[in-house]
Amino acid sequence: MLQLSGFQRYSRREVLANYRSLRYVKNNGSYFLYLIFGANICVYVGETSNIFWRIIKHKDKCSDDALIYLQEHQDKEEVLRFEKHYIQMLKPKFNSRYCQPDQLELFRNDLSY
């Protein structure tokens, strides 16, 4: 079973309600790593500086019964490393970025933390 300690778990509706204050924010100084699960399977891994708008745009990947796991980070490079790590580990069906076998190989040794 995947351990997601350090992540907050939300429904789509909860993310939109809890992060509504980001609607008009262009740069909030932090970055979110998010994992979208549907039927206990990870369907997408991403990063964003505005989780409110990103979840709005993910309507096709994120149904109302989906679970969204969030981690907030202050460092963009750190969140990008984590994103690559979780894409490699979970191989979500909607990620085209880093999902080709040759792309994943590029990051195999880049996952130091």
PDB file of N, CA and C in Angstrom:
ATOM      1  N   MET A   1       0.831  -1.186   0.000  1.00  0.00           N
ATOM      2  CA  MET A   1       0.000   0.000   0.000  1.00  0.00           C
ATOM      3  C   MET A   1       0.875   1.249   0.000  1.00  0.00           C
ATOM      4  N   LEU A   2       0.522   2.199  -0.797  1.00  0.00           N
ATOM      5  CA  LEU A   2       1.267   3.448  -0.917  1.00  0.00           C
ATOM      6  C   LEU A   2       1.096   4.296   0.341  1.00  0.00           C
ATOM      7  N   GLN A   3       2.197   4.724   0.923  1.00  0.00           N
ATOM      8  CA  GLN A   3       2.165   5.604   2.088  1.00  0.00           C
ATOM      9  C   GLN A   3       2.213   7.050   1.622  1.00  0.00           C
ATOM     10  N   LEU A   4       1.216   7.820   1.975  1.00  0.00           N
ATOM     11  CA  LEU A   4       1.168   9.226   1.568  1.00  0.00           C
ATOM     12  C   LEU A   4       1.221  10.142   2.788  1.00  0.00           C
ATOM     13  N   SER A   5       2.128   9.820   3.721  1.00  0.00           N
ATOM     14  CA  SER A   5       2.286  10.697   4.879  1.00  0.00           C
ATOM     15  C   SER A   5       2.869  12.021   4.399  1.00  0.00           C
ATOM     16  N   GLY A   6       2.441  13.078   5.007  1.00  0.00           N
ATOM     17  CA  GLY A   6       2.874  14.406   4.587  1.00  0.00           C
ATOM     18  C   GLY A   6       1.943  15.035   3.569  1.00  0.00           C
ATOM     19  N   PHE A   7       0.968  14.276   3.098  1.00  0.00           N
ATOM     20  CA  PHE A   7      -0.032  14.791   2.170  1.00  0.00           C
ATOM     21  C   PHE A   7      -1.338  15.042   2.918  1.00  0.00           C
ATOM     22  N   GLN A   8      -2.061  16.050   2.501  1.00  0.00           N
ATOM     23  CA  GLN A   8      -3.424  16.291   2.984  1.00  0.00           C
ATOM     24  C   GLN A   8      -4.378  15.681   1.967  1.00  0.00           C
ATOM     25  N   ARG A   9      -5.421  15.009   2.424  1.00  0.00           N
ATOM     26  CA  ARG A   9      -6.374  14.361   1.525  1.00  0.00           C
ATOM     27  C   ARG A   9      -7.660  15.172   1.455  1.00  0.00           C
ATOM     28  N   TYR A  10      -8.124  15.405   0.218  1.00  0.00           N
ATOM     29  CA  TYR A  10      -9.329  16.198  -0.013  1.00  0.00           C
ATOM     30  C   TYR A  10     -10.181  15.566  -1.112  1.00  0.00           C
ATOM     31  N   SER A  11     -11.443  15.928  -1.125  1.00  0.00           N
ATOM     32  CA  SER A  11     -12.284  15.679  -2.291  1.00  0.00           C
ATOM     33  C   SER A  11     -12.106  16.878  -3.221  1.00  0.00           C
ATOM     34  N   ARG A  12     -12.576  16.771  -4.438  1.00  0.00           N
ATOM     35  CA  ARG A  12     -12.498  17.897  -5.383  1.00  0.00           C
ATOM     36  C   ARG A  12     -13.214  19.116  -4.800  1.00  0.00           C
ATOM     37  N   ARG A  13     -14.386  18.901  -4.257  1.00  0.00           N
ATOM     38  CA  ARG A  13     -15.179  19.995  -3.675  1.00  0.00           C
ATOM     39  C   ARG A  13     -14.440  20.664  -2.517  1.00  0.00           C
ATOM     40  N   GLU A  14     -13.759  19.868  -1.683  1.00  0.00           N
ATOM     41  CA  GLU A  14     -13.010  20.437  -0.557  1.00  0.00           C
ATOM     42  C   GLU A  14     -11.830  21.283  -1.029  1.00  0.00           C
ATOM     43  N   VAL A  15     -11.125  20.833  -2.061  1.00  0.00           N
ATOM     44  CA  VAL A  15     -10.016  21.636  -2.592  1.00  0.00           C
ATOM     45  C   VAL A  15     -10.540  22.984  -3.073  1.00  0.00           C
ATOM     46  N   LEU A  16     -11.624  22.949  -3.836  1.00  0.00           N
ATOM     47  CA  LEU A  16     -12.172  24.199  -4.373  1.00  0.00           C
ATOM     48  C   LEU A  16     -12.656  25.123  -3.257  1.00  0.00           C
ATOM     49  N   ALA A  17     -13.226  24.577  -2.205  1.00  0.00           N
ATOM     50  CA  ALA A  17     -13.696  25.400  -1.084  1.00  0.00           C
ATOM     51  C   ALA A  17     -12.526  25.928  -0.248  1.00  0.00           C
ATOM     52  N   ASN A  18     -11.567  25.059   0.067  1.00  0.00           N
ATOM     53  CA  ASN A  18     -10.461  25.450   0.951  1.00  0.00           C
ATOM     54  C   ASN A  18      -9.459  26.392   0.298  1.00  0.00           C
ATOM     55  N   TYR A  19      -9.337  26.333  -1.020  1.00  0.00           N
ATOM     56  CA  TYR A  19      -8.340  27.158  -1.711  1.00  0.00           C
ATOM     57  C   TYR A  19      -8.980  28.202  -2.611  1.00  0.00           C
ATOM     58  N   ARG A  20     -10.227  28.523  -2.343  1.00  0.00           N
ATOM     59  CA  ARG A  20     -10.951  29.538  -3.111  1.00  0.00           C
ATOM     60  C   ARG A  20     -10.250  30.896  -3.067  1.00  0.00           C
ATOM     61  N   SER A  21      -9.558  31.166  -1.981  1.00  0.00           N
ATOM     62  CA  SER A  21      -8.855  32.447  -1.838  1.00  0.00           C
ATOM     63  C   SER A  21      -7.758  32.631  -2.893  1.00  0.00           C
ATOM     64  N   LEU A  22      -7.337  31.558  -3.564  1.00  0.00           N
ATOM     65  CA  LEU A  22      -6.308  31.660  -4.601  1.00  0.00           C
ATOM     66  C   LEU A  22      -6.874  32.032  -5.971  1.00  0.00           C
ATOM     67  N   ARG A  23      -8.196  32.215  -6.055  1.00  0.00           N
ATOM     68  CA  ARG A  23      -8.817  32.517  -7.356  1.00  0.00           C
ATOM     69  C   ARG A  23      -8.150  33.672  -8.093  1.00  0.00           C
ATOM     70  N   TYR A  24      -7.804  34.710  -7.386  1.00  0.00           N
ATOM     71  CA  TYR A  24      -7.268  35.909  -8.037  1.00  0.00           C
ATOM     72  C   TYR A  24      -5.788  36.142  -7.737  1.00  0.00           C
ATOM     73  N   VAL A  25      -5.106  35.120  -7.273  1.00  0.00           N
ATOM     74  CA  VAL A  25      -3.693  35.232  -6.912  1.00  0.00           C
ATOM     75  C   VAL A  25      -2.845  34.711  -8.065  1.00  0.00           C
ATOM     76  N   LYS A  26      -1.899  35.532  -8.517  1.00  0.00           N
ATOM     77  CA  LYS A  26      -1.018  35.099  -9.602  1.00  0.00           C
ATOM     78  C   LYS A  26       0.197  34.363  -9.075  1.00  0.00           C
ATOM     79  N   ASN A  27       0.768  34.806  -7.964  1.00  0.00           N
ATOM     80  CA  ASN A  27       1.943  34.144  -7.404  1.00  0.00           C
ATOM     81  C   ASN A  27       1.822  34.150  -5.891  1.00  0.00           C
ATOM     82  N   ASN A  28       1.531  33.007  -5.318  1.00  0.00           N
ATOM     83  CA  ASN A  28       1.373  32.938  -3.862  1.00  0.00           C
ATOM     84  C   ASN A  28       2.663  32.535  -3.150  1.00  0.00           C
ATOM     85  N   GLY A  29       3.743  32.312  -3.892  1.00  0.00           N
ATOM     86  CA  GLY A  29       5.035  32.001  -3.281  1.00  0.00           C
ATOM     87  C   GLY A  29       5.207  30.555  -2.857  1.00  0.00           C
ATOM     88  N   SER A  30       4.229  29.715  -3.155  1.00  0.00           N
ATOM     89  CA  SER A  30       4.383  28.301  -2.845  1.00  0.00           C
ATOM     90  C   SER A  30       3.875  27.457  -4.006  1.00  0.00           C
ATOM     91  N   TYR A  31       4.209  26.183  -3.953  1.00  0.00           N
ATOM     92  CA  TYR A  31       3.877  25.258  -5.035  1.00  0.00           C
ATOM     93  C   TYR A  31       3.216  24.022  -4.434  1.00  0.00           C
ATOM     94  N   PHE A  32       2.283  23.476  -5.154  1.00  0.00           N
ATOM     95  CA  PHE A  32       1.553  22.301  -4.696  1.00  0.00           C
ATOM     96  C   PHE A  32       1.904  21.096  -5.554  1.00  0.00           C
ATOM     97  N   LEU A  33       2.204  19.998  -4.895  1.00  0.00           N
ATOM     98  CA  LEU A  33       2.290  18.705  -5.548  1.00  0.00           C
ATOM     99  C   LEU A  33       0.942  18.055  -5.297  1.00  0.00           C
ATOM    100  N   TYR A  34       0.311  17.539  -6.348  1.00  0.00           N
ATOM    101  CA  TYR A  34      -0.998  16.912  -6.155  1.00  0.00           C
ATOM    102  C   TYR A  34      -1.076  15.595  -6.895  1.00  0.00           C
ATOM    103  N   LEU A  35      -1.762  14.662  -6.268  1.00  0.00           N
ATOM    104  CA  LEU A  35      -2.000  13.331  -6.826  1.00  0.00           C
ATOM    105  C   LEU A  35      -3.506  13.147  -6.866  1.00  0.00           C
ATOM    106  N   ILE A  36      -4.045  12.812  -8.014  1.00  0.00           N
ATOM    107  CA  ILE A  36      -5.481  12.589  -8.163  1.00  0.00           C
ATOM    108  C   ILE A  36      -5.727  11.084  -8.264  1.00  0.00           C
ATOM    109  N   PHE A  37      -6.579  10.585  -7.382  1.00  0.00           N
ATOM    110  CA  PHE A  37      -6.932   9.175  -7.359  1.00  0.00           C
ATOM    111  C   PHE A  37      -8.411   9.002  -7.690  1.00  0.00           C
ATOM    112  N   GLY A  38      -8.705   8.062  -8.555  1.00  0.00           N
ATOM    113  CA  GLY A  38     -10.066   7.661  -8.858  1.00  0.00           C
ATOM    114  C   GLY A  38     -10.149   6.159  -8.722  1.00  0.00           C
ATOM    115  N   ALA A  39     -11.118   5.662  -7.977  1.00  0.00           N
ATOM    116  CA  ALA A  39     -11.273   4.215  -7.744  1.00  0.00           C
ATOM    117  C   ALA A  39      -9.980   3.597  -7.213  1.00  0.00           C
ATOM    118  N   ASN A  40      -9.331   4.292  -6.274  1.00  0.00           N
ATOM    119  CA  ASN A  40      -8.098   3.816  -5.619  1.00  0.00           C
ATOM    120  C   ASN A  40      -6.910   3.655  -6.557  1.00  0.00           C
ATOM    121  N   ILE A  41      -6.958   4.291  -7.728  1.00  0.00           N
ATOM    122  CA  ILE A  41      -5.849   4.253  -8.678  1.00  0.00           C
ATOM    123  C   ILE A  41      -5.428   5.684  -8.969  1.00  0.00           C
ATOM    124  N   CYS A  42      -4.131   5.935  -8.936  1.00  0.00           N
ATOM    125  CA  CYS A  42      -3.645   7.269  -9.265  1.00  0.00           C
ATOM    126  C   CYS A  42      -3.813   7.500 -10.765  1.00  0.00           C
ATOM    127  N   VAL A  43      -4.545   8.554 -11.112  1.00  0.00           N
ATOM    128  CA  VAL A  43      -4.782   8.849 -12.519  1.00  0.00           C
ATOM    129  C   VAL A  43      -3.961  10.040 -13.007  1.00  0.00           C
ATOM    130  N   TYR A  44      -3.456  10.874 -12.069  1.00  0.00           N
ATOM    131  CA  TYR A  44      -2.674  12.033 -12.499  1.00  0.00           C
ATOM    132  C   TYR A  44      -1.818  12.535 -11.347  1.00  0.00           C
ATOM    133  N   VAL A  45      -0.602  12.969 -11.680  1.00  0.00           N
ATOM    134  CA  VAL A  45       0.312  13.620 -10.740  1.00  0.00           C
ATOM    135  C   VAL A  45       0.717  14.935 -11.374  1.00  0.00           C
ATOM    136  N   GLY A  46       0.679  16.013 -10.594  1.00  0.00           N
ATOM    137  CA  GLY A  46       1.069  17.305 -11.147  1.00  0.00           C
ATOM    138  C   GLY A  46       1.575  18.255 -10.083  1.00  0.00           C
ATOM    139  N   GLU A  47       2.010  19.404 -10.548  1.00  0.00           N
ATOM    140  CA  GLU A  47       2.445  20.482  -9.661  1.00  0.00           C
ATOM    141  C   GLU A  47       1.898  21.788 -10.197  1.00  0.00           C
ATOM    142  N   THR A  48       1.650  22.714  -9.284  1.00  0.00           N
ATOM    143  CA  THR A  48       1.089  24.005  -9.672  1.00  0.00           C
ATOM    144  C   THR A  48       1.332  25.017  -8.567  1.00  0.00           C
ATOM    145  N   SER A  49       1.298  26.280  -8.916  1.00  0.00           N
ATOM    146  CA  SER A  49       1.356  27.317  -7.887  1.00  0.00           C
ATOM    147  C   SER A  49      -0.058  27.750  -7.488  1.00  0.00           C
ATOM    148  N   ASN A  50      -1.065  27.350  -8.271  1.00  0.00           N
ATOM    149  CA  ASN A  50      -2.441  27.711  -7.939  1.00  0.00           C
ATOM    150  C   ASN A  50      -3.339  26.478  -8.043  1.00  0.00           C
ATOM    151  N   ILE A  51      -3.492  25.802  -6.914  1.00  0.00           N
ATOM    152  CA  ILE A  51      -4.241  24.548  -6.903  1.00  0.00           C
ATOM    153  C   ILE A  51      -5.720  24.752  -7.227  1.00  0.00           C
ATOM    154  N   PHE A  52      -6.280  25.890  -6.881  1.00  0.00           N
ATOM    155  CA  PHE A  52      -7.691  26.157  -7.178  1.00  0.00           C
ATOM    156  C   PHE A  52      -7.955  26.070  -8.678  1.00  0.00           C
ATOM    157  N   TRP A  53      -7.208  26.839  -9.471  1.00  0.00           N
ATOM    158  CA  TRP A  53      -7.437  26.854 -10.919  1.00  0.00           C
ATOM    159  C   TRP A  53      -7.024  25.552 -11.579  1.00  0.00           C
ATOM    160  N   ARG A  54      -6.009  24.900 -11.031  1.00  0.00           N
ATOM    161  CA  ARG A  54      -5.573  23.642 -11.641  1.00  0.00           C
ATOM    162  C   ARG A  54      -6.640  22.562 -11.501  1.00  0.00           C
ATOM    163  N   ILE A  55      -7.280  22.492 -10.354  1.00  0.00           N
ATOM    164  CA  ILE A  55      -8.342  21.502 -10.158  1.00  0.00           C
ATOM    165  C   ILE A  55      -9.562  21.859 -11.002  1.00  0.00           C
ATOM    166  N   ILE A  56      -9.841  23.134 -11.179  1.00  0.00           N
ATOM    167  CA  ILE A  56     -10.926  23.548 -12.088  1.00  0.00           C
ATOM    168  C   ILE A  56     -10.635  23.007 -13.491  1.00  0.00           C
ATOM    169  N   LYS A  57      -9.397  23.171 -13.954  1.00  0.00           N
ATOM    170  CA  LYS A  57      -9.032  22.733 -15.310  1.00  0.00           C
ATOM    171  C   LYS A  57      -8.992  21.218 -15.449  1.00  0.00           C
ATOM    172  N   HIS A  58      -8.836  20.500 -14.351  1.00  0.00           N
ATOM    173  CA  HIS A  58      -8.759  19.034 -14.395  1.00  0.00           C
ATOM    174  C   HIS A  58     -10.128  18.369 -14.274  1.00  0.00           C
ATOM    175  N   LYS A  59     -11.158  19.024 -14.679  1.00  0.00           N
ATOM    176  CA  LYS A  59     -12.506  18.469 -14.534  1.00  0.00           C
ATOM    177  C   LYS A  59     -12.632  17.091 -15.186  1.00  0.00           C
ATOM    178  N   ASP A  60     -11.967  16.879 -16.325  1.00  0.00           N
ATOM    179  CA  ASP A  60     -12.040  15.585 -17.006  1.00  0.00           C
ATOM    180  C   ASP A  60     -11.257  14.485 -16.285  1.00  0.00           C
ATOM    181  N   LYS A  61     -10.244  14.856 -15.511  1.00  0.00           N
ATOM    182  CA  LYS A  61      -9.417  13.876 -14.800  1.00  0.00           C
ATOM    183  C   LYS A  61      -9.863  13.701 -13.356  1.00  0.00           C
ATOM    184  N   CYS A  62     -10.683  14.617 -12.890  1.00  0.00           N
ATOM    185  CA  CYS A  62     -10.987  14.690 -11.467  1.00  0.00           C
ATOM    186  C   CYS A  62     -12.488  14.783 -11.248  1.00  0.00           C
ATOM    187  N   SER A  63     -13.138  13.648 -11.109  1.00  0.00           N
ATOM    188  CA  SER A  63     -14.581  13.630 -10.864  1.00  0.00           C
ATOM    189  C   SER A  63     -14.866  14.041  -9.419  1.00  0.00           C
ATOM    190  N   ASP A  64     -16.125  14.212  -9.114  1.00  0.00           N
ATOM    191  CA  ASP A  64     -16.504  14.617  -7.759  1.00  0.00           C
ATOM    192  C   ASP A  64     -16.149  13.573  -6.707  1.00  0.00           C
ATOM    193  N   ASP A  65     -16.049  12.302  -7.085  1.00  0.00           N
ATOM    194  CA  ASP A  65     -15.706  11.270  -6.107  1.00  0.00           C
ATOM    195  C   ASP A  65     -14.204  10.963  -6.066  1.00  0.00           C
ATOM    196  N   ALA A  66     -13.414  11.702  -6.802  1.00  0.00           N
ATOM    197  CA  ALA A  66     -11.961  11.516  -6.781  1.00  0.00           C
ATOM    198  C   ALA A  66     -11.382  12.019  -5.458  1.00  0.00           C
ATOM    199  N   LEU A  67     -10.243  11.447  -5.077  1.00  0.00           N
ATOM    200  CA  LEU A  67      -9.498  11.930  -3.919  1.00  0.00           C
ATOM    201  C   LEU A  67      -8.253  12.644  -4.422  1.00  0.00           C
ATOM    202  N   ILE A  68      -7.958  13.770  -3.806  1.00  0.00           N
ATOM    203  CA  ILE A  68      -6.804  14.577  -4.188  1.00  0.00           C
ATOM    204  C   ILE A  68      -5.892  14.688  -2.972  1.00  0.00           C
ATOM    205  N   TYR A  69      -4.632  14.313  -3.166  1.00  0.00           N
ATOM    206  CA  TYR A  69      -3.635  14.410  -2.113  1.00  0.00           C
ATOM    207  C   TYR A  69      -2.725  15.587  -2.436  1.00  0.00           C
ATOM    208  N   LEU A  70      -2.555  16.484  -1.463  1.00  0.00           N
ATOM    209  CA  LEU A  70      -1.771  17.709  -1.662  1.00  0.00           C
ATOM    210  C   LEU A  70      -0.606  17.793  -0.690  1.00  0.00           C
ATOM    211  N   GLN A  71       0.491  18.324  -1.209  1.00  0.00           N
ATOM    212  CA  GLN A  71       1.645  18.725  -0.398  1.00  0.00           C
ATOM    213  C   GLN A  71       2.019  20.114  -0.861  1.00  0.00           C
ATOM    214  N   GLU A  72       2.258  21.007   0.072  1.00  0.00           N
ATOM    215  CA  GLU A  72       2.677  22.369  -0.273  1.00  0.00           C
ATOM    216  C   GLU A  72       4.179  22.500  -0.049  1.00  0.00           C
ATOM    217  N   HIS A  73       4.854  23.128  -1.018  1.00  0.00           N
ATOM    218  CA  HIS A  73       6.307  23.308  -0.973  1.00  0.00           C
ATOM    219  C   HIS A  73       6.640  24.772  -1.269  1.00  0.00           C
ATOM    220  N   GLN A  74       7.769  25.216  -0.767  1.00  0.00           N
ATOM    221  CA  GLN A  74       8.238  26.575  -1.031  1.00  0.00           C
ATOM    222  C   GLN A  74       9.235  26.626  -2.183  1.00  0.00           C
ATOM    223  N   ASP A  75       9.799  25.492  -2.531  1.00  0.00           N
ATOM    224  CA  ASP A  75      10.866  25.417  -3.532  1.00  0.00           C
ATOM    225  C   ASP A  75      10.358  24.732  -4.801  1.00  0.00           C
ATOM    226  N   LYS A  76      10.393  25.447  -5.923  1.00  0.00           N
ATOM    227  CA  LYS A  76       9.888  24.912  -7.194  1.00  0.00           C
ATOM    228  C   LYS A  76      10.689  23.682  -7.636  1.00  0.00           C
ATOM    229  N   GLU A  77      12.010  23.718  -7.525  1.00  0.00           N
ATOM    230  CA  GLU A  77      12.825  22.568  -7.933  1.00  0.00           C
ATOM    231  C   GLU A  77      12.497  21.331  -7.108  1.00  0.00           C
ATOM    232  N   GLU A  78      12.252  21.522  -5.826  1.00  0.00           N
ATOM    233  CA  GLU A  78      11.900  20.401  -4.955  1.00  0.00           C
ATOM    234  C   GLU A  78      10.576  19.767  -5.390  1.00  0.00           C
ATOM    235  N   VAL A  79       9.580  20.586  -5.653  1.00  0.00           N
ATOM    236  CA  VAL A  79       8.275  20.049  -6.044  1.00  0.00           C
ATOM    237  C   VAL A  79       8.372  19.347  -7.403  1.00  0.00           C
ATOM    238  N   LEU A  80       9.206  19.847  -8.299  1.00  0.00           N
ATOM    239  CA  LEU A  80       9.399  19.189  -9.592  1.00  0.00           C
ATOM    240  C   LEU A  80      10.076  17.826  -9.431  1.00  0.00           C
ATOM    241  N   ARG A  81      11.034  17.717  -8.520  1.00  0.00           N
ATOM    242  CA  ARG A  81      11.668  16.419  -8.245  1.00  0.00           C
ATOM    243  C   ARG A  81      10.651  15.419  -7.701  1.00  0.00           C
ATOM    244  N   PHE A  82       9.826  15.879  -6.771  1.00  0.00           N
ATOM    245  CA  PHE A  82       8.792  14.999  -6.219  1.00  0.00           C
ATOM    246  C   PHE A  82       7.781  14.591  -7.290  1.00  0.00           C
ATOM    247  N   GLU A  83       7.408  15.536  -8.144  1.00  0.00           N
ATOM    248  CA  GLU A  83       6.467  15.219  -9.224  1.00  0.00           C
ATOM    249  C   GLU A  83       7.040  14.105 -10.108  1.00  0.00           C
ATOM    250  N   LYS A  84       8.288  14.239 -10.524  1.00  0.00           N
ATOM    251  CA  LYS A  84       8.934  13.222 -11.359  1.00  0.00           C
ATOM    252  C   LYS A  84       8.974  11.873 -10.644  1.00  0.00           C
ATOM    253  N   HIS A  85       9.290  11.915  -9.356  1.00  0.00           N
ATOM    254  CA  HIS A  85       9.365  10.689  -8.564  1.00  0.00           C
ATOM    255  C   HIS A  85       8.007   9.965  -8.540  1.00  0.00           C
ATOM    256  N   TYR A  86       6.947  10.691  -8.241  1.00  0.00           N
ATOM    257  CA  TYR A  86       5.634  10.054  -8.145  1.00  0.00           C
ATOM    258  C   TYR A  86       5.103   9.620  -9.509  1.00  0.00           C
ATOM    259  N   ILE A  87       5.422  10.332 -10.558  1.00  0.00           N
ATOM    260  CA  ILE A  87       5.029   9.890 -11.903  1.00  0.00           C
ATOM    261  C   ILE A  87       5.740   8.586 -12.236  1.00  0.00           C
ATOM    262  N   GLN A  88       7.030   8.527 -11.938  1.00  0.00           N
ATOM    263  CA  GLN A  88       7.792   7.304 -12.204  1.00  0.00           C
ATOM    264  C   GLN A  88       7.257   6.143 -11.384  1.00  0.00           C
ATOM    265  N   MET A  89       6.954   6.389 -10.127  1.00  0.00           N
ATOM    266  CA  MET A  89       6.517   5.333  -9.230  1.00  0.00           C
ATOM    267  C   MET A  89       5.091   4.859  -9.532  1.00  0.00           C
ATOM    268  N   LEU A  90       4.172   5.795  -9.782  1.00  0.00           N
ATOM    269  CA  LEU A  90       2.751   5.452  -9.921  1.00  0.00           C
ATOM    270  C   LEU A  90       2.294   5.249 -11.358  1.00  0.00           C
ATOM    271  N   LYS A  91       3.026   5.825 -12.312  1.00  0.00           N
ATOM    272  CA  LYS A  91       2.682   5.726 -13.738  1.00  0.00           C
ATOM    273  C   LYS A  91       1.196   6.013 -14.005  1.00  0.00           C
ATOM    274  N   PRO A  92       0.738   7.217 -13.627  1.00  0.00           N
ATOM    275  CA  PRO A  92      -0.677   7.565 -13.795  1.00  0.00           C
ATOM    276  C   PRO A  92      -1.083   7.585 -15.261  1.00  0.00           C
ATOM    277  N   LYS A  93      -2.306   7.161 -15.543  1.00  0.00           N
ATOM    278  CA  LYS A  93      -2.732   7.009 -16.934  1.00  0.00           C
ATOM    279  C   LYS A  93      -2.880   8.327 -17.685  1.00  0.00           C
ATOM    280  N   PHE A  94      -3.104   9.445 -17.006  1.00  0.00           N
ATOM    281  CA  PHE A  94      -3.284  10.711 -17.709  1.00  0.00           C
ATOM    282  C   PHE A  94      -2.012  11.545 -17.819  1.00  0.00           C
ATOM    283  N   ASN A  95      -0.910  11.084 -17.258  1.00  0.00           N
ATOM    284  CA  ASN A  95       0.341  11.835 -17.386  1.00  0.00           C
ATOM    285  C   ASN A  95       1.027  11.467 -18.689  1.00  0.00           C
ATOM    286  N   SER A  96       1.236  12.430 -19.545  1.00  0.00           N
ATOM    287  CA  SER A  96       2.039  12.186 -20.731  1.00  0.00           C
ATOM    288  C   SER A  96       3.465  12.654 -20.480  1.00  0.00           C
ATOM    289  N   ARG A  97       3.626  13.603 -19.571  1.00  0.00           N
ATOM    290  CA  ARG A  97       4.941  14.133 -19.223  1.00  0.00           C
ATOM    291  C   ARG A  97       5.684  13.097 -18.390  1.00  0.00           C
ATOM    292  N   TYR A  98       6.877  12.737 -18.811  1.00  0.00           N
ATOM    293  CA  TYR A  98       7.767  11.792 -18.132  1.00  0.00           C
ATOM    294  C   TYR A  98       7.240  10.356 -18.129  1.00  0.00           C
ATOM    295  N   CYS A  99       6.245  10.029 -18.922  1.00  0.00           N
ATOM    296  CA  CYS A  99       5.689   8.677 -18.879  1.00  0.00           C
ATOM    297  C   CYS A  99       6.260   7.746 -19.941  1.00  0.00           C
ATOM    298  N   GLN A 100       6.958   8.271 -20.917  1.00  0.00           N
ATOM    299  CA  GLN A 100       7.579   7.410 -21.914  1.00  0.00           C
ATOM    300  C   GLN A 100       8.790   6.741 -21.270  1.00  0.00           C
ATOM    301  N   PRO A 101       9.048   5.484 -21.601  1.00  0.00           N
ATOM    302  CA  PRO A 101      10.161   4.774 -20.953  1.00  0.00           C
ATOM    303  C   PRO A 101      11.493   5.515 -21.044  1.00  0.00           C
ATOM    304  N   ASP A 102      11.804   6.117 -22.185  1.00  0.00           N
ATOM    305  CA  ASP A 102      13.077   6.830 -22.311  1.00  0.00           C
ATOM    306  C   ASP A 102      13.100   8.104 -21.481  1.00  0.00           C
ATOM    307  N   GLN A 103      11.937   8.725 -21.254  1.00  0.00           N
ATOM    308  CA  GLN A 103      11.897   9.925 -20.418  1.00  0.00           C
ATOM    309  C   GLN A 103      12.121   9.574 -18.954  1.00  0.00           C
ATOM    310  N   LEU A 104      11.539   8.484 -18.494  1.00  0.00           N
ATOM    311  CA  LEU A 104      11.721   8.098 -17.102  1.00  0.00           C
ATOM    312  C   LEU A 104      13.177   7.777 -16.807  1.00  0.00           C
ATOM    313  N   GLU A 105      13.863   7.179 -17.755  1.00  0.00           N
ATOM    314  CA  GLU A 105      15.271   6.851 -17.561  1.00  0.00           C
ATOM    315  C   GLU A 105      16.105   8.106 -17.295  1.00  0.00           C
ATOM    316  N   LEU A 106      15.711   9.228 -17.880  1.00  0.00           N
ATOM    317  CA  LEU A 106      16.456  10.472 -17.680  1.00  0.00           C
ATOM    318  C   LEU A 106      16.493  10.880 -16.222  1.00  0.00           C
ATOM    319  N   PHE A 107      15.468  10.512 -15.464  1.00  0.00           N
ATOM    320  CA  PHE A 107      15.339  10.996 -14.099  1.00  0.00           C
ATOM    321  C   PHE A 107      15.672   9.948 -13.051  1.00  0.00           C
ATOM    322  N   ARG A 108      16.047   8.773 -13.469  1.00  0.00           N
ATOM    323  CA  ARG A 108      16.307   7.680 -12.530  1.00  0.00           C
ATOM    324  C   ARG A 108      17.334   8.090 -11.470  1.00  0.00           C
ATOM    325  N   ASN A 109      18.408   8.745 -11.870  1.00  0.00           N
ATOM    326  CA  ASN A 109      19.450   9.131 -10.913  1.00  0.00           C
ATOM    327  C   ASN A 109      19.272  10.543 -10.380  1.00  0.00           C
ATOM    328  N   ASP A 110      18.207  11.213 -10.803  1.00  0.00           N
ATOM    329  CA  ASP A 110      17.982  12.601 -10.405  1.00  0.00           C
ATOM    330  C   ASP A 110      17.067  12.696  -9.186  1.00  0.00           C
ATOM    331  N   LEU A 111      16.781  11.603  -8.541  1.00  0.00           N
ATOM    332  CA  LEU A 111      15.807  11.596  -7.451  1.00  0.00           C
ATOM    333  C   LEU A 111      16.510  11.516  -6.094  1.00  0.00           C
ATOM    334  N   SER A 112      17.271  12.524  -5.772  1.00  0.00           N
ATOM    335  CA  SER A 112      18.004  12.510  -4.504  1.00  0.00           C
ATOM    336  C   SER A 112      17.269  13.340  -3.466  1.00  0.00           C
ATOM    337  N   TYR A 113      16.773  12.671  -2.443  1.00  0.00           N
ATOM    338  CA  TYR A 113      16.189  13.339  -1.283  1.00  0.00           C
ATOM    339  C   TYR A 113      16.119  12.415  -0.121  1.00  0.00           C
TER     340      TYR A 113
END
